[in-house]
Amino acid sequence: MIRVLIAEDQKMLLGALAALLELEEDIEVVGKAANGEEAVRLACLLQPDVCIMDIEMPGMSGLDAAEQLKGAGHKVIILTTFARPGYFERAVKAGVHAYLLKDSPSEELAEAIRGVTVGKRIFASELVEVAYNDDNPLTEREHEVLMLMAEGKSTNQIASELYLTTGTVRNYISVILNKLHVSNRIEAIKRFKEKGWFK
């Protein structure tokens, strides 16, 4: 049986989450907290396998609580409405095992709970994309040009597809190479892939 603690300041959502998880045969909700301080206290007292935390709670936030619980042996799942890159980066540094959005299906949460107990790390793809795209230096148009470059299109083909002159496309390519600090198209595509910026 997987023992779970839930920290959520909205009482109705806290009750609904607990009720949904109790329907799972292998999950038991052993504690409910209304804020981060209560979550940390209950985690130390009840020793759950998994702590599910909202981020924005009065007093101590879910991220503050996750930082305090780091290394204590609990698996922490952040469940939030906010797809903010700063939150995501901080959660990763705090060693959280999963970071999901509240509008995910309930089965996804149950699967995440099972996954983290066997050592998996689960991050909602939307959150990862937001985190990476935050540092993407290219404009939307430059991004389009690079995507076509990655498809192997020539300068003339890109110009034709985007209704631009070849000179304008060459300018875009030059700006892309400068922004990505690379010297040719292949390096630009490689750098972009490594950063996870392809949509």
C-alpha atoms as a PDB file:
ATOM      1  CA  MET A   1       0.000   0.000   0.000  1.00  0.00           C
ATOM      2  CA  ILE A   2       1.369   3.422  -0.982  1.00  0.00           C
ATOM      3  CA  ARG A   3       0.894   5.936   1.838  1.00  0.00           C
ATOM      4  CA  VAL A   4       0.127   9.476   0.631  1.00  0.00           C
ATOM      5  CA  LEU A   5      -0.014  12.920   2.249  1.00  0.00           C
ATOM      6  CA  ILE A   6      -1.817  15.744   0.402  1.00  0.00           C
ATOM      7  CA  ALA A   7      -1.137  19.466   0.995  1.00  0.00           C
ATOM      8  CA  GLU A   8      -3.693  21.809  -0.615  1.00  0.00           C
ATOM      9  CA  ASP A   9      -5.170  25.046   0.773  1.00  0.00           C
ATOM     10  CA  GLN A  10      -8.495  24.775  -1.101  1.00  0.00           C
ATOM     11  CA  LYS A  11     -10.610  22.527   1.126  1.00  0.00           C
ATOM     12  CA  MET A  12     -12.931  21.314  -1.619  1.00  0.00           C
ATOM     13  CA  LEU A  13     -10.018  20.339  -3.876  1.00  0.00           C
ATOM     14  CA  LEU A  14      -8.217  18.699  -0.949  1.00  0.00           C
ATOM     15  CA  GLY A  15     -11.296  16.574  -0.207  1.00  0.00           C
ATOM     16  CA  ALA A  16     -11.839  15.710  -3.879  1.00  0.00           C
ATOM     17  CA  LEU A  17      -8.199  14.677  -4.380  1.00  0.00           C
ATOM     18  CA  ALA A  18      -8.265  12.503  -1.267  1.00  0.00           C
ATOM     19  CA  ALA A  19     -11.558  10.867  -2.318  1.00  0.00           C
ATOM     20  CA  LEU A  20     -10.273  10.142  -5.850  1.00  0.00           C
ATOM     21  CA  LEU A  21      -7.027   8.619  -4.593  1.00  0.00           C
ATOM     22  CA  GLU A  22      -8.845   6.490  -1.996  1.00  0.00           C
ATOM     23  CA  LEU A  23     -10.624   4.776  -4.920  1.00  0.00           C
ATOM     24  CA  GLU A  24      -7.271   3.294  -5.960  1.00  0.00           C
ATOM     25  CA  GLU A  25      -6.746  -0.130  -4.386  1.00  0.00           C
ATOM     26  CA  ASP A  26      -3.022   0.377  -3.743  1.00  0.00           C
ATOM     27  CA  ILE A  27      -3.122   3.993  -2.437  1.00  0.00           C
ATOM     28  CA  GLU A  28      -4.024   5.153   1.084  1.00  0.00           C
ATOM     29  CA  VAL A  29      -4.331   8.846   2.026  1.00  0.00           C
ATOM     30  CA  VAL A  30      -2.779   9.035   5.507  1.00  0.00           C
ATOM     31  CA  GLY A  31      -2.812  12.809   5.988  1.00  0.00           C
ATOM     32  CA  LYS A  32      -4.186  16.126   4.696  1.00  0.00           C
ATOM     33  CA  ALA A  33      -2.559  19.526   5.199  1.00  0.00           C
ATOM     34  CA  ALA A  34      -3.787  23.050   4.429  1.00  0.00           C
ATOM     35  CA  ASN A  35      -0.331  24.636   4.053  1.00  0.00           C
ATOM     36  CA  GLY A  36       3.381  23.917   3.788  1.00  0.00           C
ATOM     37  CA  GLU A  37       4.149  24.078   7.523  1.00  0.00           C
ATOM     38  CA  GLU A  38       1.437  21.556   8.310  1.00  0.00           C
ATOM     39  CA  ALA A  39       2.658  19.351   5.447  1.00  0.00           C
ATOM     40  CA  VAL A  40       6.237  19.281   6.774  1.00  0.00           C
ATOM     41  CA  ARG A  41       5.011  18.545  10.331  1.00  0.00           C
ATOM     42  CA  LEU A  42       2.683  15.745   9.156  1.00  0.00           C
ATOM     43  CA  ALA A  43       5.331  14.285   6.822  1.00  0.00           C
ATOM     44  CA  CYS A  44       7.744  13.969   9.770  1.00  0.00           C
ATOM     45  CA  LEU A  45       5.013  12.502  11.974  1.00  0.00           C
ATOM     46  CA  LEU A  46       3.274  10.133   9.534  1.00  0.00           C
ATOM     47  CA  GLN A  47       6.243   9.188   7.299  1.00  0.00           C
ATOM     48  CA  PRO A  48       4.194   8.897   4.050  1.00  0.00           C
ATOM     49  CA  ASP A  49       5.765   7.385   0.937  1.00  0.00           C
ATOM     50  CA  VAL A  50       4.577  10.278  -1.227  1.00  0.00           C
ATOM     51  CA  CYS A  51       3.762  13.935  -0.445  1.00  0.00           C
ATOM     52  CA  ILE A  52       1.546  15.763  -2.955  1.00  0.00           C
ATOM     53  CA  MET A  53       2.000  19.544  -2.707  1.00  0.00           C
ATOM     54  CA  ASP A  54       0.220  22.522  -4.167  1.00  0.00           C
ATOM     55  CA  ILE A  55       2.641  25.408  -4.783  1.00  0.00           C
ATOM     56  CA  GLU A  56       0.773  28.513  -3.671  1.00  0.00           C
ATOM     57  CA  MET A  57      -0.439  28.036  -0.110  1.00  0.00           C
ATOM     58  CA  PRO A  58      -0.621  30.528   2.763  1.00  0.00           C
ATOM     59  CA  GLY A  59       2.462  30.745   4.986  1.00  0.00           C
ATOM     60  CA  MET A  60       4.892  28.184   3.656  1.00  0.00           C
ATOM     61  CA  SER A  61       4.497  27.328  -0.049  1.00  0.00           C
ATOM     62  CA  GLY A  62       4.671  23.821  -1.468  1.00  0.00           C
ATOM     63  CA  LEU A  63       8.108  24.591  -2.897  1.00  0.00           C
ATOM     64  CA  ASP A  64       9.378  25.769   0.514  1.00  0.00           C
ATOM     65  CA  ALA A  65       8.011  22.554   2.020  1.00  0.00           C
ATOM     66  CA  ALA A  66       9.615  20.440  -0.730  1.00  0.00           C
ATOM     67  CA  GLU A  67      12.972  22.121  -0.030  1.00  0.00           C
ATOM     68  CA  GLN A  68      12.627  21.340   3.688  1.00  0.00           C
ATOM     69  CA  LEU A  69      11.718  17.714   2.973  1.00  0.00           C
ATOM     70  CA  LYS A  70      14.596  17.185   0.528  1.00  0.00           C
ATOM     71  CA  GLY A  71      16.628  14.173   1.576  1.00  0.00           C
ATOM     72  CA  ALA A  72      14.031  13.059   4.155  1.00  0.00           C
ATOM     73  CA  GLY A  73      13.083   9.990   2.133  1.00  0.00           C
ATOM     74  CA  HIS A  74       9.643  11.166   0.993  1.00  0.00           C
ATOM     75  CA  LYS A  75       8.875  11.344  -2.722  1.00  0.00           C
ATOM     76  CA  VAL A  76       7.417  14.790  -3.491  1.00  0.00           C
ATOM     77  CA  ILE A  77       4.899  15.467  -6.259  1.00  0.00           C
ATOM     78  CA  ILE A  78       4.105  19.091  -7.070  1.00  0.00           C
ATOM     79  CA  LEU A  79       0.560  19.537  -8.359  1.00  0.00           C
ATOM     80  CA  THR A  80      -0.098  23.064  -9.587  1.00  0.00           C
ATOM     81  CA  THR A  81      -2.135  25.367 -11.806  1.00  0.00           C
ATOM     82  CA  PHE A  82       0.956  27.377 -12.697  1.00  0.00           C
ATOM     83  CA  ALA A  83       3.224  26.530 -15.638  1.00  0.00           C
ATOM     84  CA  ARG A  84       5.909  29.030 -14.626  1.00  0.00           C
ATOM     85  CA  PRO A  85       9.528  28.322 -15.549  1.00  0.00           C
ATOM     86  CA  GLY A  86      10.883  29.763 -12.284  1.00  0.00           C
ATOM     87  CA  TYR A  87       8.690  27.416 -10.244  1.00  0.00           C
ATOM     88  CA  PHE A  88       9.685  24.426 -12.359  1.00  0.00           C
ATOM     89  CA  GLU A  89      13.425  25.138 -12.049  1.00  0.00           C
ATOM     90  CA  ARG A  90      13.123  25.595  -8.294  1.00  0.00           C
ATOM     91  CA  ALA A  91      11.155  22.339  -7.980  1.00  0.00           C
ATOM     92  CA  VAL A  92      13.828  20.429  -9.907  1.00  0.00           C
ATOM     93  CA  LYS A  93      16.529  21.893  -7.618  1.00  0.00           C
ATOM     94  CA  ALA A  94      14.461  20.872  -4.587  1.00  0.00           C
ATOM     95  CA  GLY A  95      14.606  17.297  -5.880  1.00  0.00           C
ATOM     96  CA  VAL A  96      10.874  16.820  -6.499  1.00  0.00           C
ATOM     97  CA  HIS A  97      10.036  13.550  -8.213  1.00  0.00           C
ATOM     98  CA  ALA A  98       7.043  14.720 -10.249  1.00  0.00           C
ATOM     99  CA  TYR A  99       5.589  18.047 -11.344  1.00  0.00           C
ATOM    100  CA  LEU A 100       2.072  17.899 -12.783  1.00  0.00           C
ATOM    101  CA  LEU A 101      -0.660  20.344 -13.723  1.00  0.00           C
ATOM    102  CA  LYS A 102      -3.961  20.255 -11.834  1.00  0.00           C
ATOM    103  CA  ASP A 103      -5.958  19.847 -15.024  1.00  0.00           C
ATOM    104  CA  SER A 104      -4.276  16.473 -15.671  1.00  0.00           C
ATOM    105  CA  PRO A 105      -6.646  13.454 -15.487  1.00  0.00           C
ATOM    106  CA  SER A 106      -6.852  11.804 -12.045  1.00  0.00           C
ATOM    107  CA  GLU A 107      -5.522   8.509 -13.492  1.00  0.00           C
ATOM    108  CA  GLU A 108      -2.355  10.397 -14.435  1.00  0.00           C
ATOM    109  CA  LEU A 109      -1.848  11.425 -10.795  1.00  0.00           C
ATOM    110  CA  ALA A 110      -2.368   7.847  -9.571  1.00  0.00           C
ATOM    111  CA  GLU A 111       0.125   6.590 -12.177  1.00  0.00           C
ATOM    112  CA  ALA A 112       2.608   9.309 -11.159  1.00  0.00           C
ATOM    113  CA  ILE A 113       2.311   8.209  -7.508  1.00  0.00           C
ATOM    114  CA  ARG A 114       3.079   4.622  -8.520  1.00  0.00           C
ATOM    115  CA  GLY A 115       5.878   5.790 -10.816  1.00  0.00           C
ATOM    116  CA  VAL A 116       7.740   7.903  -8.251  1.00  0.00           C
ATOM    117  CA  THR A 117       7.647   5.101  -5.676  1.00  0.00           C
ATOM    118  CA  VAL A 118       9.749   2.998  -8.057  1.00  0.00           C
ATOM    119  CA  GLY A 119      12.209   5.815  -8.731  1.00  0.00           C
ATOM    120  CA  LYS A 120      10.742   7.484 -11.831  1.00  0.00           C
ATOM    121  CA  ARG A 121      10.745  11.239 -12.347  1.00  0.00           C
ATOM    122  CA  ILE A 122       7.650  12.562 -14.075  1.00  0.00           C
ATOM    123  CA  PHE A 123       7.322  16.103 -15.399  1.00  0.00           C
ATOM    124  CA  ALA A 124       4.354  17.411 -17.413  1.00  0.00           C
ATOM    125  CA  SER A 125       5.556  18.092 -20.955  1.00  0.00           C
ATOM    126  CA  GLU A 126       3.909  21.549 -20.947  1.00  0.00           C
ATOM    127  CA  LEU A 127       6.060  22.532 -17.973  1.00  0.00           C
ATOM    128  CA  VAL A 128       9.269  21.293 -19.551  1.00  0.00           C
ATOM    129  CA  GLU A 129       8.421  23.194 -22.746  1.00  0.00           C
ATOM    130  CA  VAL A 130       7.727  26.416 -20.814  1.00  0.00           C
ATOM    131  CA  ALA A 131      11.013  26.059 -18.937  1.00  0.00           C
ATOM    132  CA  TYR A 132      13.040  25.582 -22.107  1.00  0.00           C
ATOM    133  CA  ASN A 133      11.170  28.119 -24.210  1.00  0.00           C
ATOM    134  CA  ASP A 134      11.789  30.739 -21.564  1.00  0.00           C
ATOM    135  CA  ASP A 135      15.439  30.939 -22.611  1.00  0.00           C
ATOM    136  CA  ASN A 136      14.858  30.555 -26.352  1.00  0.00           C
ATOM    137  CA  PRO A 137      16.479  33.672 -27.867  1.00  0.00           C
ATOM    138  CA  LEU A 138      14.783  33.369 -31.256  1.00  0.00           C
ATOM    139  CA  THR A 139      11.713  35.278 -32.397  1.00  0.00           C
ATOM    140  CA  GLU A 140       8.753  33.356 -33.797  1.00  0.00           C
ATOM    141  CA  ARG A 141       9.859  34.106 -37.390  1.00  0.00           C
ATOM    142  CA  GLU A 142      13.481  33.064 -36.686  1.00  0.00           C
ATOM    143  CA  HIS A 143      12.118  29.882 -35.143  1.00  0.00           C
ATOM    144  CA  GLU A 144      10.122  29.182 -38.342  1.00  0.00           C
ATOM    145  CA  VAL A 145      13.251  29.703 -40.464  1.00  0.00           C
ATOM    146  CA  LEU A 146      15.236  27.321 -38.268  1.00  0.00           C
ATOM    147  CA  MET A 147      12.503  24.672 -38.404  1.00  0.00           C
ATOM    148  CA  LEU A 148      12.638  24.784 -42.221  1.00  0.00           C
ATOM    149  CA  MET A 149      16.457  24.625 -42.104  1.00  0.00           C
ATOM    150  CA  ALA A 150      16.103  21.490 -39.942  1.00  0.00           C
ATOM    151  CA  GLU A 151      13.876  19.985 -42.645  1.00  0.00           C
ATOM    152  CA  GLY A 152      16.782  20.407 -45.067  1.00  0.00           C
ATOM    153  CA  LYS A 153      15.236  23.284 -47.029  1.00  0.00           C
ATOM    154  CA  SER A 154      17.520  25.586 -49.024  1.00  0.00           C
ATOM    155  CA  THR A 155      17.539  29.379 -48.668  1.00  0.00           C
ATOM    156  CA  ASN A 156      15.417  29.666 -51.846  1.00  0.00           C
ATOM    157  CA  GLN A 157      12.901  27.081 -50.601  1.00  0.00           C
ATOM    158  CA  ILE A 158      12.599  28.825 -47.223  1.00  0.00           C
ATOM    159  CA  ALA A 159      12.083  32.171 -48.970  1.00  0.00           C
ATOM    160  CA  SER A 160       9.375  30.682 -51.179  1.00  0.00           C
ATOM    161  CA  GLU A 161       7.589  28.961 -48.259  1.00  0.00           C
ATOM    162  CA  LEU A 162       7.604  32.038 -46.002  1.00  0.00           C
ATOM    163  CA  TYR A 163       6.971  34.547 -48.832  1.00  0.00           C
ATOM    164  CA  LEU A 164      10.258  36.350 -48.164  1.00  0.00           C
ATOM    165  CA  THR A 165      13.156  37.395 -50.398  1.00  0.00           C
ATOM    166  CA  THR A 166      16.292  35.211 -50.335  1.00  0.00           C
ATOM    167  CA  GLY A 167      18.227  38.210 -48.948  1.00  0.00           C
ATOM    168  CA  THR A 168      15.819  38.460 -45.994  1.00  0.00           C
ATOM    169  CA  VAL A 169      16.166  34.727 -45.308  1.00  0.00           C
ATOM    170  CA  ARG A 170      19.977  35.057 -45.393  1.00  0.00           C
ATOM    171  CA  ASN A 171      19.693  37.888 -42.845  1.00  0.00           C
ATOM    172  CA  TYR A 172      17.493  35.722 -40.619  1.00  0.00           C
ATOM    173  CA  ILE A 173      19.989  32.843 -40.828  1.00  0.00           C
ATOM    174  CA  SER A 174      22.845  35.181 -39.931  1.00  0.00           C
ATOM    175  CA  VAL A 175      20.908  36.486 -36.885  1.00  0.00           C
ATOM    176  CA  ILE A 176      20.039  32.901 -35.823  1.00  0.00           C
ATOM    177  CA  LEU A 177      23.703  31.833 -35.969  1.00  0.00           C
ATOM    178  CA  ASN A 178      24.725  34.899 -33.932  1.00  0.00           C
ATOM    179  CA  LYS A 179      22.015  34.387 -31.297  1.00  0.00           C
ATOM    180  CA  LEU A 180      22.870  30.702 -30.891  1.00  0.00           C
ATOM    181  CA  HIS A 181      26.641  31.411 -30.907  1.00  0.00           C
ATOM    182  CA  VAL A 182      27.331  28.921 -33.707  1.00  0.00           C
ATOM    183  CA  SER A 183      29.070  29.169 -37.072  1.00  0.00           C
ATOM    184  CA  ASN A 184      26.812  27.143 -39.394  1.00  0.00           C
ATOM    185  CA  ARG A 185      23.322  25.733 -39.944  1.00  0.00           C
ATOM    186  CA  ILE A 186      24.119  22.218 -38.697  1.00  0.00           C
ATOM    187  CA  GLU A 187      25.478  23.551 -35.386  1.00  0.00           C
ATOM    188  CA  ALA A 188      22.422  25.812 -35.042  1.00  0.00           C
ATOM    189  CA  ILE A 189      20.028  22.877 -35.467  1.00  0.00           C
ATOM    190  CA  LYS A 190      22.083  20.748 -33.056  1.00  0.00           C
ATOM    191  CA  ARG A 191      22.170  23.502 -30.400  1.00  0.00           C
ATOM    192  CA  PHE A 192      18.426  24.054 -30.719  1.00  0.00           C
ATOM    193  CA  LYS A 193      17.724  20.324 -30.312  1.00  0.00           C
ATOM    194  CA  GLU A 194      20.022  20.031 -27.290  1.00  0.00           C
ATOM    195  CA  LYS A 195      18.206  22.889 -25.595  1.00  0.00           C
ATOM    196  CA  GLY A 196      14.840  21.222 -26.189  1.00  0.00           C
ATOM    197  CA  TRP A 197      13.448  24.236 -28.054  1.00  0.00           C
ATOM    198  CA  PHE A 198      11.934  22.373 -31.001  1.00  0.00           C
ATOM    199  CA  LYS A 199       8.160  22.397 -30.648  1.00  0.00           C
END
